[in-house]
Amino acid sequence: MEKKYKSSYYGHVVKIALILIIGGVLAVWARGLFLPETMGQYGHYRGGDLEDQRNVEVRNHTNESCYECHRPIRLIHKAGVHKTVSCEVCHGPYADHIKDDKYVAKMPVKRNMEIKTLCLRCHNKIIRARPEESIKVVALPQHLEEKKVQVDHNCNQCHMVHDPLLWVKAAYEMMGMEMKGDKK
């Protein structure tokens, strides 16, 4: 008859259990040491975060903030197809221009190829993620070739950046022509 080996020594199980218990106690102690006092004050949020967020500098503003000083642009922008686009999309954060109601720096104004690059961020034909009706998209240089202008032209040579169709409509009116797809 074969004798089955049965160990009466469970030391390895006891050591593993002690390591797990000590590790758990250390984890609870470390959690108490490093967790902020207000953690869990509002569910799983840190209560002190509300005060921290109140103290974050506001960098972005509404278009109305810009219109306070730039009144002529306000009239053009509000009437144009870009009326829903924030000034900060093209010009950068308001806080870089005005701080504590005082002028601190000029806003960047795009020039030359920067203008084309900026416009194509939204109006590029390659962006296929949105329906064509939402934003009029162009394919360069085909757009310029169709309009019979030099392919190195910038958008602002034909379009007013704050209301892109303003100059185009004016040109059509001067020529006594009607724009295709004009919604009056």
N, C-alpha and C. Protein backbone atom coordinates (compact mmCIF):
# COMPACT_ATOMS: atom_id res chain seq x y z
N MET A 1 0.84 -1.16 0.00
CA MET A 1 0.00 0.00 0.00
C MET A 1 0.90 1.25 0.00
N GLU A 2 0.54 2.13 -0.88
CA GLU A 2 1.34 3.32 -1.04
C GLU A 2 0.85 4.39 -0.08
N LYS A 3 1.81 5.06 0.58
CA LYS A 3 1.48 6.10 1.54
C LYS A 3 1.45 7.45 0.83
N LYS A 4 0.33 8.19 0.98
CA LYS A 4 0.24 9.51 0.38
C LYS A 4 0.97 10.49 1.28
N TYR A 5 1.68 11.38 0.60
CA TYR A 5 2.44 12.38 1.34
C TYR A 5 1.51 13.51 1.73
N LYS A 6 1.44 13.81 3.01
CA LYS A 6 0.63 14.89 3.52
C LYS A 6 1.49 15.70 4.46
N SER A 7 1.69 16.99 4.07
CA SER A 7 2.56 17.83 4.88
C SER A 7 1.78 18.41 6.05
N SER A 8 2.42 18.46 7.15
CA SER A 8 1.83 19.09 8.32
C SER A 8 2.44 20.46 8.55
N TYR A 9 3.27 20.85 7.64
CA TYR A 9 3.96 22.12 7.76
C TYR A 9 3.29 23.12 6.82
N TYR A 10 2.64 24.13 7.36
CA TYR A 10 1.93 25.15 6.57
C TYR A 10 2.59 26.52 6.71
N GLY A 11 3.84 26.54 6.97
CA GLY A 11 4.58 27.79 7.17
C GLY A 11 4.51 28.72 5.97
N HIS A 12 4.58 28.15 4.78
CA HIS A 12 4.55 29.01 3.58
C HIS A 12 3.19 29.71 3.43
N VAL A 13 2.12 29.05 3.83
CA VAL A 13 0.79 29.67 3.76
C VAL A 13 0.69 30.78 4.79
N VAL A 14 1.23 30.56 5.97
CA VAL A 14 1.21 31.56 7.04
C VAL A 14 2.02 32.79 6.61
N LYS A 15 3.17 32.60 5.97
CA LYS A 15 4.02 33.72 5.54
C LYS A 15 3.28 34.56 4.48
N ILE A 16 2.65 33.90 3.53
CA ILE A 16 1.91 34.63 2.48
C ILE A 16 0.76 35.41 3.10
N ALA A 17 0.05 34.80 4.05
CA ALA A 17 -1.07 35.48 4.72
C ALA A 17 -0.56 36.69 5.48
N LEU A 18 0.56 36.57 6.19
CA LEU A 18 1.13 37.71 6.93
C LEU A 18 1.55 38.83 5.98
N ILE A 19 2.17 38.47 4.87
CA ILE A 19 2.59 39.48 3.90
C ILE A 19 1.37 40.23 3.36
N LEU A 20 0.29 39.51 3.05
CA LEU A 20 -0.93 40.15 2.55
C LEU A 20 -1.56 41.07 3.59
N ILE A 21 -1.59 40.61 4.85
CA ILE A 21 -2.18 41.43 5.93
C ILE A 21 -1.34 42.68 6.15
N ILE A 22 -0.02 42.54 6.23
CA ILE A 22 0.86 43.70 6.43
C ILE A 22 0.75 44.65 5.23
N GLY A 23 0.72 44.10 4.00
CA GLY A 23 0.56 44.94 2.81
C GLY A 23 -0.75 45.70 2.83
N GLY A 24 -1.82 45.07 3.24
CA GLY A 24 -3.12 45.74 3.33
C GLY A 24 -3.11 46.85 4.35
N VAL A 25 -2.53 46.59 5.52
CA VAL A 25 -2.44 47.62 6.57
C VAL A 25 -1.60 48.80 6.08
N LEU A 26 -0.47 48.52 5.40
CA LEU A 26 0.36 49.60 4.86
C LEU A 26 -0.38 50.39 3.79
N ALA A 27 -1.15 49.73 2.96
CA ALA A 27 -1.93 50.42 1.91
C ALA A 27 -2.97 51.35 2.53
N VAL A 28 -3.68 50.88 3.56
CA VAL A 28 -4.68 51.71 4.24
C VAL A 28 -3.99 52.90 4.90
N TRP A 29 -2.84 52.68 5.52
CA TRP A 29 -2.09 53.76 6.18
C TRP A 29 -1.62 54.79 5.14
N ALA A 30 -1.06 54.31 4.00
CA ALA A 30 -0.57 55.22 2.96
C ALA A 30 -1.72 56.01 2.34
N ARG A 31 -2.85 55.36 2.16
CA ARG A 31 -4.02 56.05 1.61
C ARG A 31 -4.44 57.19 2.52
N GLY A 32 -4.49 56.92 3.81
CA GLY A 32 -4.85 57.96 4.78
C GLY A 32 -3.82 59.09 4.81
N LEU A 33 -2.56 58.74 4.60
CA LEU A 33 -1.48 59.72 4.64
C LEU A 33 -1.49 60.64 3.41
N PHE A 34 -1.73 60.07 2.23
CA PHE A 34 -1.62 60.83 0.99
C PHE A 34 -2.93 61.39 0.44
N LEU A 35 -4.05 60.89 0.86
CA LEU A 35 -5.33 61.38 0.37
C LEU A 35 -5.66 62.73 1.00
N PRO A 36 -6.10 63.70 0.21
CA PRO A 36 -6.48 65.00 0.78
C PRO A 36 -7.68 64.85 1.72
N GLU A 37 -7.76 65.77 2.67
CA GLU A 37 -8.84 65.71 3.67
C GLU A 37 -10.22 65.77 3.03
N THR A 38 -10.35 66.56 1.96
CA THR A 38 -11.67 66.76 1.37
C THR A 38 -12.04 65.69 0.35
N MET A 39 -11.20 64.67 0.19
CA MET A 39 -11.50 63.62 -0.78
C MET A 39 -12.75 62.88 -0.35
N GLY A 40 -13.70 62.76 -1.25
CA GLY A 40 -14.94 62.07 -0.95
C GLY A 40 -16.00 62.97 -0.32
N GLN A 41 -15.70 64.24 -0.17
CA GLN A 41 -16.65 65.18 0.43
C GLN A 41 -17.93 65.26 -0.42
N TYR A 42 -17.78 65.23 -1.73
CA TYR A 42 -18.91 65.27 -2.65
C TYR A 42 -18.87 64.01 -3.51
N GLY A 43 -19.23 62.90 -2.95
CA GLY A 43 -19.15 61.63 -3.68
C GLY A 43 -17.70 61.23 -3.83
N HIS A 44 -17.28 60.92 -5.04
CA HIS A 44 -15.89 60.53 -5.25
C HIS A 44 -15.03 61.70 -5.70
N TYR A 45 -15.49 62.94 -5.45
CA TYR A 45 -14.74 64.13 -5.80
C TYR A 45 -14.02 64.70 -4.58
N ARG A 46 -12.97 65.48 -4.86
CA ARG A 46 -12.25 66.18 -3.81
C ARG A 46 -12.91 67.54 -3.64
N GLY A 47 -13.44 67.81 -2.47
CA GLY A 47 -14.15 69.05 -2.20
C GLY A 47 -13.32 70.29 -2.46
N GLY A 48 -12.02 70.25 -2.14
CA GLY A 48 -11.14 71.40 -2.33
C GLY A 48 -10.92 71.75 -3.79
N ASP A 49 -11.28 70.85 -4.70
CA ASP A 49 -11.09 71.11 -6.12
C ASP A 49 -11.98 72.26 -6.59
N LEU A 50 -13.13 72.44 -5.95
CA LEU A 50 -14.02 73.54 -6.34
C LEU A 50 -13.31 74.88 -6.16
N GLU A 51 -12.63 75.06 -5.05
CA GLU A 51 -11.89 76.30 -4.79
C GLU A 51 -10.71 76.42 -5.76
N ASP A 52 -10.05 75.32 -6.03
CA ASP A 52 -8.93 75.34 -6.98
C ASP A 52 -9.41 75.79 -8.35
N GLN A 53 -10.56 75.30 -8.80
CA GLN A 53 -11.09 75.67 -10.10
C GLN A 53 -11.50 77.13 -10.16
N ARG A 54 -12.00 77.66 -9.03
CA ARG A 54 -12.36 79.08 -8.99
C ARG A 54 -11.13 79.97 -9.15
N ASN A 55 -9.98 79.48 -8.75
CA ASN A 55 -8.75 80.27 -8.80
C ASN A 55 -7.99 80.13 -10.12
N VAL A 56 -8.46 79.29 -11.04
CA VAL A 56 -7.80 79.15 -12.33
C VAL A 56 -8.09 80.41 -13.15
N GLU A 57 -7.03 80.95 -13.74
CA GLU A 57 -7.18 82.16 -14.55
C GLU A 57 -8.06 81.88 -15.77
N VAL A 58 -9.03 82.75 -16.00
CA VAL A 58 -9.89 82.64 -17.17
C VAL A 58 -9.11 83.16 -18.37
N ARG A 59 -8.90 82.30 -19.35
CA ARG A 59 -8.12 82.69 -20.52
C ARG A 59 -8.99 82.96 -21.74
N ASN A 60 -10.14 82.31 -21.81
CA ASN A 60 -11.00 82.47 -22.97
C ASN A 60 -12.25 83.25 -22.60
N HIS A 61 -12.73 84.02 -23.55
CA HIS A 61 -13.93 84.82 -23.35
C HIS A 61 -14.87 84.62 -24.54
N THR A 62 -15.95 85.35 -24.52
CA THR A 62 -16.92 85.27 -25.61
C THR A 62 -16.58 86.31 -26.67
N ASN A 63 -17.21 86.21 -27.81
CA ASN A 63 -17.02 87.22 -28.85
C ASN A 63 -17.46 88.59 -28.36
N GLU A 64 -18.45 88.62 -27.50
CA GLU A 64 -18.93 89.91 -26.97
C GLU A 64 -17.81 90.68 -26.28
N SER A 65 -16.89 89.96 -25.63
CA SER A 65 -15.75 90.62 -24.98
C SER A 65 -14.90 91.34 -26.03
N CYS A 66 -14.72 90.74 -27.17
CA CYS A 66 -13.93 91.35 -28.25
C CYS A 66 -14.66 92.54 -28.87
N TYR A 67 -15.98 92.39 -29.01
CA TYR A 67 -16.78 93.42 -29.66
C TYR A 67 -16.82 94.72 -28.86
N GLU A 68 -16.52 94.68 -27.57
CA GLU A 68 -16.54 95.90 -26.76
C GLU A 68 -15.60 96.94 -27.35
N CYS A 69 -14.45 96.50 -27.85
CA CYS A 69 -13.48 97.43 -28.43
C CYS A 69 -13.49 97.43 -29.95
N HIS A 70 -13.85 96.31 -30.54
CA HIS A 70 -13.78 96.16 -32.00
C HIS A 70 -15.19 96.23 -32.60
N ARG A 71 -15.82 97.39 -32.46
CA ARG A 71 -17.20 97.56 -32.90
C ARG A 71 -17.41 97.37 -34.40
N PRO A 72 -16.56 97.91 -35.27
CA PRO A 72 -16.80 97.70 -36.71
C PRO A 72 -16.77 96.21 -37.10
N ILE A 73 -15.87 95.47 -36.49
CA ILE A 73 -15.79 94.03 -36.78
C ILE A 73 -17.04 93.33 -36.27
N ARG A 74 -17.59 93.81 -35.16
CA ARG A 74 -18.80 93.20 -34.60
C ARG A 74 -19.92 93.19 -35.63
N LEU A 75 -20.13 94.31 -36.28
CA LEU A 75 -21.22 94.41 -37.26
C LEU A 75 -20.98 93.47 -38.44
N ILE A 76 -19.76 93.41 -38.91
CA ILE A 76 -19.43 92.54 -40.04
C ILE A 76 -19.53 91.08 -39.62
N HIS A 77 -18.94 90.76 -38.48
CA HIS A 77 -18.88 89.36 -38.02
C HIS A 77 -20.26 88.81 -37.72
N LYS A 78 -21.08 89.60 -37.03
CA LYS A 78 -22.43 89.14 -36.67
C LYS A 78 -23.32 88.92 -37.89
N ALA A 79 -23.05 89.63 -38.97
CA ALA A 79 -23.87 89.48 -40.18
C ALA A 79 -23.34 88.39 -41.09
N GLY A 80 -22.11 87.96 -40.86
CA GLY A 80 -21.45 87.03 -41.77
C GLY A 80 -21.67 85.57 -41.46
N VAL A 81 -21.14 84.73 -42.35
CA VAL A 81 -21.28 83.29 -42.17
C VAL A 81 -20.38 82.75 -41.06
N HIS A 82 -19.45 83.55 -40.58
CA HIS A 82 -18.58 83.13 -39.48
C HIS A 82 -19.11 83.59 -38.12
N LYS A 83 -20.36 84.00 -38.05
CA LYS A 83 -20.90 84.55 -36.80
C LYS A 83 -20.84 83.58 -35.63
N THR A 84 -20.82 82.28 -35.88
CA THR A 84 -20.76 81.30 -34.79
C THR A 84 -19.33 80.90 -34.45
N VAL A 85 -18.36 81.41 -35.17
CA VAL A 85 -16.96 81.08 -34.91
C VAL A 85 -16.40 82.06 -33.88
N SER A 86 -15.79 81.55 -32.85
CA SER A 86 -15.19 82.39 -31.82
C SER A 86 -13.99 83.15 -32.37
N CYS A 87 -13.85 84.39 -31.97
CA CYS A 87 -12.69 85.20 -32.38
C CYS A 87 -11.38 84.49 -32.00
N GLU A 88 -11.42 83.77 -30.88
CA GLU A 88 -10.21 83.13 -30.35
C GLU A 88 -9.75 81.96 -31.22
N VAL A 89 -10.60 81.42 -32.07
CA VAL A 89 -10.19 80.33 -32.96
C VAL A 89 -9.07 80.83 -33.86
N CYS A 90 -9.18 82.05 -34.33
CA CYS A 90 -8.18 82.61 -35.24
C CYS A 90 -7.13 83.46 -34.53
N HIS A 91 -7.55 84.17 -33.50
CA HIS A 91 -6.66 85.16 -32.88
C HIS A 91 -6.01 84.72 -31.58
N GLY A 92 -6.43 83.61 -31.01
CA GLY A 92 -5.83 83.16 -29.76
C GLY A 92 -6.62 83.63 -28.54
N PRO A 93 -6.19 83.22 -27.34
CA PRO A 93 -6.93 83.54 -26.11
C PRO A 93 -7.01 85.03 -25.82
N TYR A 94 -8.16 85.43 -25.36
CA TYR A 94 -8.43 86.82 -24.97
C TYR A 94 -7.44 87.29 -23.92
N ALA A 95 -7.07 86.40 -22.99
CA ALA A 95 -6.18 86.77 -21.88
C ALA A 95 -4.80 87.18 -22.36
N ASP A 96 -4.40 86.79 -23.57
CA ASP A 96 -3.11 87.22 -24.10
C ASP A 96 -3.17 88.66 -24.61
N HIS A 97 -4.37 89.21 -24.73
CA HIS A 97 -4.59 90.54 -25.29
C HIS A 97 -5.00 91.54 -24.21
N ILE A 98 -5.90 91.12 -23.33
CA ILE A 98 -6.45 91.99 -22.28
C ILE A 98 -6.30 91.28 -20.94
N LYS A 99 -5.78 92.01 -19.95
CA LYS A 99 -5.68 91.46 -18.59
C LYS A 99 -6.11 92.55 -17.62
N ASP A 100 -7.00 92.21 -16.72
CA ASP A 100 -7.54 93.18 -15.75
C ASP A 100 -8.07 94.42 -16.45
N ASP A 101 -8.80 94.21 -17.56
CA ASP A 101 -9.40 95.27 -18.38
C ASP A 101 -8.38 96.25 -18.95
N LYS A 102 -7.14 95.82 -19.10
CA LYS A 102 -6.10 96.67 -19.68
C LYS A 102 -5.44 95.92 -20.85
N TYR A 103 -5.12 96.68 -21.89
CA TYR A 103 -4.44 96.13 -23.05
C TYR A 103 -3.04 95.67 -22.63
N VAL A 104 -2.66 94.43 -22.97
CA VAL A 104 -1.33 93.93 -22.62
C VAL A 104 -0.50 93.55 -23.84
N ALA A 105 -1.14 93.15 -24.93
CA ALA A 105 -0.38 92.76 -26.12
C ALA A 105 -1.29 92.72 -27.34
N LYS A 106 -0.67 92.84 -28.50
CA LYS A 106 -1.42 92.71 -29.76
C LYS A 106 -1.80 91.26 -29.96
N MET A 107 -2.94 91.05 -30.57
CA MET A 107 -3.35 89.70 -30.94
C MET A 107 -2.65 89.36 -32.25
N PRO A 108 -2.32 88.09 -32.43
CA PRO A 108 -1.67 87.73 -33.69
C PRO A 108 -2.62 87.89 -34.87
N VAL A 109 -2.12 88.51 -35.90
CA VAL A 109 -2.88 88.66 -37.14
C VAL A 109 -2.16 87.82 -38.18
N LYS A 110 -2.89 86.93 -38.79
CA LYS A 110 -2.30 86.03 -39.78
C LYS A 110 -2.00 86.78 -41.07
N ARG A 111 -0.90 86.44 -41.70
CA ARG A 111 -0.50 87.08 -42.94
C ARG A 111 -0.06 86.01 -43.94
N ASN A 112 -0.17 86.33 -45.21
CA ASN A 112 0.31 85.49 -46.31
C ASN A 112 -0.17 84.05 -46.19
N MET A 113 0.74 83.08 -46.21
CA MET A 113 0.36 81.67 -46.20
C MET A 113 -0.32 81.26 -44.88
N GLU A 114 -0.07 81.98 -43.81
CA GLU A 114 -0.72 81.67 -42.53
C GLU A 114 -2.24 81.75 -42.67
N ILE A 115 -2.72 82.70 -43.48
CA ILE A 115 -4.16 82.87 -43.67
C ILE A 115 -4.74 81.63 -44.33
N LYS A 116 -4.10 81.18 -45.40
CA LYS A 116 -4.58 80.00 -46.12
C LYS A 116 -4.58 78.78 -45.18
N THR A 117 -3.51 78.63 -44.41
CA THR A 117 -3.41 77.51 -43.47
C THR A 117 -4.53 77.57 -42.45
N LEU A 118 -4.78 78.77 -41.93
CA LEU A 118 -5.84 78.95 -40.94
C LEU A 118 -7.21 78.61 -41.52
N CYS A 119 -7.51 79.12 -42.70
CA CYS A 119 -8.81 78.86 -43.32
C CYS A 119 -9.01 77.37 -43.59
N LEU A 120 -7.96 76.72 -44.04
CA LEU A 120 -8.07 75.31 -44.41
C LEU A 120 -8.20 74.39 -43.19
N ARG A 121 -8.00 74.92 -42.00
CA ARG A 121 -8.24 74.10 -40.80
C ARG A 121 -9.70 73.64 -40.76
N CYS A 122 -10.61 74.48 -41.24
CA CYS A 122 -12.03 74.12 -41.26
C CYS A 122 -12.55 73.83 -42.67
N HIS A 123 -12.02 74.51 -43.66
CA HIS A 123 -12.59 74.46 -45.00
C HIS A 123 -11.87 73.50 -45.95
N ASN A 124 -11.09 72.60 -45.44
CA ASN A 124 -10.33 71.68 -46.28
C ASN A 124 -11.20 70.52 -46.75
N LYS A 125 -11.18 70.24 -48.02
CA LYS A 125 -11.96 69.16 -48.62
C LYS A 125 -11.57 67.79 -48.05
N ILE A 126 -10.34 67.67 -47.59
CA ILE A 126 -9.84 66.39 -47.10
C ILE A 126 -10.56 65.95 -45.82
N ILE A 127 -11.07 66.89 -45.06
CA ILE A 127 -11.77 66.55 -43.82
C ILE A 127 -13.14 66.00 -44.20
N ARG A 128 -13.32 64.72 -44.12
CA ARG A 128 -14.56 64.08 -44.56
C ARG A 128 -15.45 63.68 -43.39
N ALA A 129 -15.11 64.10 -42.20
CA ALA A 129 -15.85 63.67 -41.02
C ALA A 129 -17.17 64.40 -40.84
N ARG A 130 -17.38 65.49 -41.55
CA ARG A 130 -18.62 66.25 -41.39
C ARG A 130 -19.34 66.34 -42.72
N PRO A 131 -20.65 66.52 -42.67
CA PRO A 131 -21.40 66.64 -43.93
C PRO A 131 -21.03 67.95 -44.64
N GLU A 132 -21.04 67.93 -45.96
CA GLU A 132 -20.64 69.11 -46.74
C GLU A 132 -21.54 70.31 -46.49
N GLU A 133 -22.80 70.07 -46.12
CA GLU A 133 -23.71 71.19 -45.90
C GLU A 133 -23.31 72.00 -44.67
N SER A 134 -22.63 71.37 -43.69
CA SER A 134 -22.34 72.09 -42.45
C SER A 134 -21.30 73.18 -42.65
N ILE A 135 -20.28 72.91 -43.44
CA ILE A 135 -19.23 73.90 -43.70
C ILE A 135 -18.88 73.81 -45.17
N LYS A 136 -18.89 74.95 -45.85
CA LYS A 136 -18.50 74.93 -47.26
C LYS A 136 -17.02 74.59 -47.32
N VAL A 137 -16.72 73.50 -48.00
CA VAL A 137 -15.34 73.06 -48.09
C VAL A 137 -14.80 73.33 -49.49
N VAL A 138 -13.50 73.54 -49.56
CA VAL A 138 -12.86 73.79 -50.85
C VAL A 138 -11.69 72.83 -51.01
N ALA A 139 -11.35 72.54 -52.21
CA ALA A 139 -10.17 71.75 -52.52
C ALA A 139 -9.21 72.68 -53.25
N LEU A 140 -8.06 72.85 -52.68
CA LEU A 140 -7.05 73.68 -53.35
C LEU A 140 -6.09 72.75 -54.09
N PRO A 141 -5.60 73.11 -55.22
CA PRO A 141 -5.75 74.38 -55.93
C PRO A 141 -6.96 74.41 -56.87
N GLN A 142 -7.79 73.35 -56.91
CA GLN A 142 -8.92 73.30 -57.83
C GLN A 142 -9.84 74.51 -57.68
N HIS A 143 -10.09 74.93 -56.42
CA HIS A 143 -10.98 76.07 -56.17
C HIS A 143 -10.44 77.32 -56.89
N LEU A 144 -9.14 77.55 -56.76
CA LEU A 144 -8.54 78.73 -57.38
C LEU A 144 -8.55 78.62 -58.90
N GLU A 145 -8.32 77.41 -59.41
CA GLU A 145 -8.35 77.21 -60.86
C GLU A 145 -9.76 77.44 -61.41
N GLU A 146 -10.79 76.95 -60.69
CA GLU A 146 -12.18 77.16 -61.12
C GLU A 146 -12.53 78.64 -61.17
N LYS A 147 -12.02 79.40 -60.20
CA LYS A 147 -12.31 80.83 -60.14
C LYS A 147 -11.40 81.64 -61.07
N LYS A 148 -10.49 80.94 -61.74
CA LYS A 148 -9.57 81.55 -62.70
C LYS A 148 -8.67 82.61 -62.05
N VAL A 149 -8.13 82.25 -60.90
CA VAL A 149 -7.14 83.12 -60.23
C VAL A 149 -5.86 82.32 -60.05
N GLN A 150 -4.79 83.04 -59.76
CA GLN A 150 -3.50 82.36 -59.58
C GLN A 150 -3.57 81.40 -58.40
N VAL A 151 -2.94 80.24 -58.55
CA VAL A 151 -3.04 79.21 -57.51
C VAL A 151 -2.27 79.56 -56.24
N ASP A 152 -1.46 80.62 -56.28
CA ASP A 152 -0.75 81.01 -55.05
C ASP A 152 -1.49 82.12 -54.29
N HIS A 153 -2.71 82.44 -54.71
CA HIS A 153 -3.51 83.45 -54.01
C HIS A 153 -3.86 82.97 -52.60
N ASN A 154 -4.00 83.92 -51.71
CA ASN A 154 -4.48 83.63 -50.36
C ASN A 154 -5.98 83.88 -50.30
N CYS A 155 -6.63 83.27 -49.32
CA CYS A 155 -8.08 83.37 -49.19
C CYS A 155 -8.55 84.83 -49.08
N ASN A 156 -7.78 85.65 -48.33
CA ASN A 156 -8.22 87.01 -48.07
C ASN A 156 -8.03 87.95 -49.27
N GLN A 157 -7.53 87.44 -50.38
CA GLN A 157 -7.45 88.27 -51.57
C GLN A 157 -8.82 88.37 -52.26
N CYS A 158 -9.69 87.41 -51.98
CA CYS A 158 -11.05 87.45 -52.52
C CYS A 158 -12.10 87.50 -51.42
N HIS A 159 -11.77 86.99 -50.25
CA HIS A 159 -12.72 86.88 -49.15
C HIS A 159 -12.33 87.77 -47.98
N MET A 160 -13.33 88.39 -47.36
CA MET A 160 -13.12 89.14 -46.13
C MET A 160 -13.18 88.11 -45.01
N VAL A 161 -12.12 87.99 -44.21
CA VAL A 161 -12.04 86.88 -43.27
C VAL A 161 -13.16 86.87 -42.23
N HIS A 162 -13.67 88.02 -41.83
CA HIS A 162 -14.72 88.04 -40.82
C HIS A 162 -16.11 87.76 -41.41
N ASP A 163 -16.26 87.97 -42.69
CA ASP A 163 -17.48 87.61 -43.42
C ASP A 163 -17.05 87.23 -44.83
N PRO A 164 -16.71 85.95 -45.05
CA PRO A 164 -16.10 85.53 -46.31
C PRO A 164 -16.89 85.85 -47.57
N LEU A 165 -18.19 85.97 -47.49
CA LEU A 165 -18.96 86.23 -48.71
C LEU A 165 -19.21 87.71 -48.96
N LEU A 166 -18.81 88.58 -48.04
CA LEU A 166 -19.07 90.02 -48.16
C LEU A 166 -18.49 90.58 -49.46
N TRP A 167 -17.20 90.40 -49.70
CA TRP A 167 -16.57 90.95 -50.90
C TRP A 167 -17.02 90.21 -52.14
N VAL A 168 -17.24 88.91 -52.01
CA VAL A 168 -17.68 88.12 -53.17
C VAL A 168 -19.06 88.60 -53.62
N LYS A 169 -19.98 88.80 -52.67
CA LYS A 169 -21.31 89.30 -53.01
C LYS A 169 -21.23 90.69 -53.63
N ALA A 170 -20.37 91.54 -53.06
CA ALA A 170 -20.21 92.90 -53.60
C ALA A 170 -19.70 92.85 -55.03
N ALA A 171 -18.76 91.97 -55.31
CA ALA A 171 -18.23 91.85 -56.68
C ALA A 171 -19.31 91.39 -57.64
N TYR A 172 -20.12 90.42 -57.22
CA TYR A 172 -21.21 89.95 -58.08
C TYR A 172 -22.21 91.08 -58.34
N GLU A 173 -22.53 91.86 -57.32
CA GLU A 173 -23.47 92.97 -57.48
C GLU A 173 -22.92 94.02 -58.44
N MET A 174 -21.62 94.33 -58.32
CA MET A 174 -21.00 95.32 -59.20
C MET A 174 -21.05 94.86 -60.65
N MET A 175 -20.94 93.56 -60.85
CA MET A 175 -20.94 93.01 -62.22
C MET A 175 -22.38 92.78 -62.72
N GLY A 176 -23.38 93.02 -61.84
CA GLY A 176 -24.78 92.82 -62.21
C GLY A 176 -25.14 91.34 -62.33
N MET A 177 -24.40 90.50 -61.61
CA MET A 177 -24.63 89.05 -61.67
C MET A 177 -25.26 88.57 -60.35
N GLU A 178 -25.86 87.39 -60.44
CA GLU A 178 -26.45 86.79 -59.24
C GLU A 178 -25.60 85.59 -58.83
N MET A 179 -25.33 85.48 -57.54
CA MET A 179 -24.52 84.35 -57.06
C MET A 179 -25.31 83.07 -57.13
N LYS A 180 -24.65 81.97 -57.50
CA LYS A 180 -25.29 80.67 -57.50
C LYS A 180 -25.51 80.25 -56.05
N GLY A 181 -26.68 79.72 -55.79
CA GLY A 181 -26.97 79.24 -54.44
C GLY A 181 -27.12 80.34 -53.42
N ASP A 182 -27.33 81.59 -53.88
CA ASP A 182 -27.48 82.72 -52.95
C ASP A 182 -28.81 82.60 -52.21
N LYS A 183 -28.73 82.64 -50.90
CA LYS A 183 -29.94 82.52 -50.07
C LYS A 183 -30.29 83.90 -49.53
N LYS A 184 -31.25 84.53 -50.17
CA LYS A 184 -31.63 85.87 -49.69
C LYS A 184 -32.95 85.80 -48.99
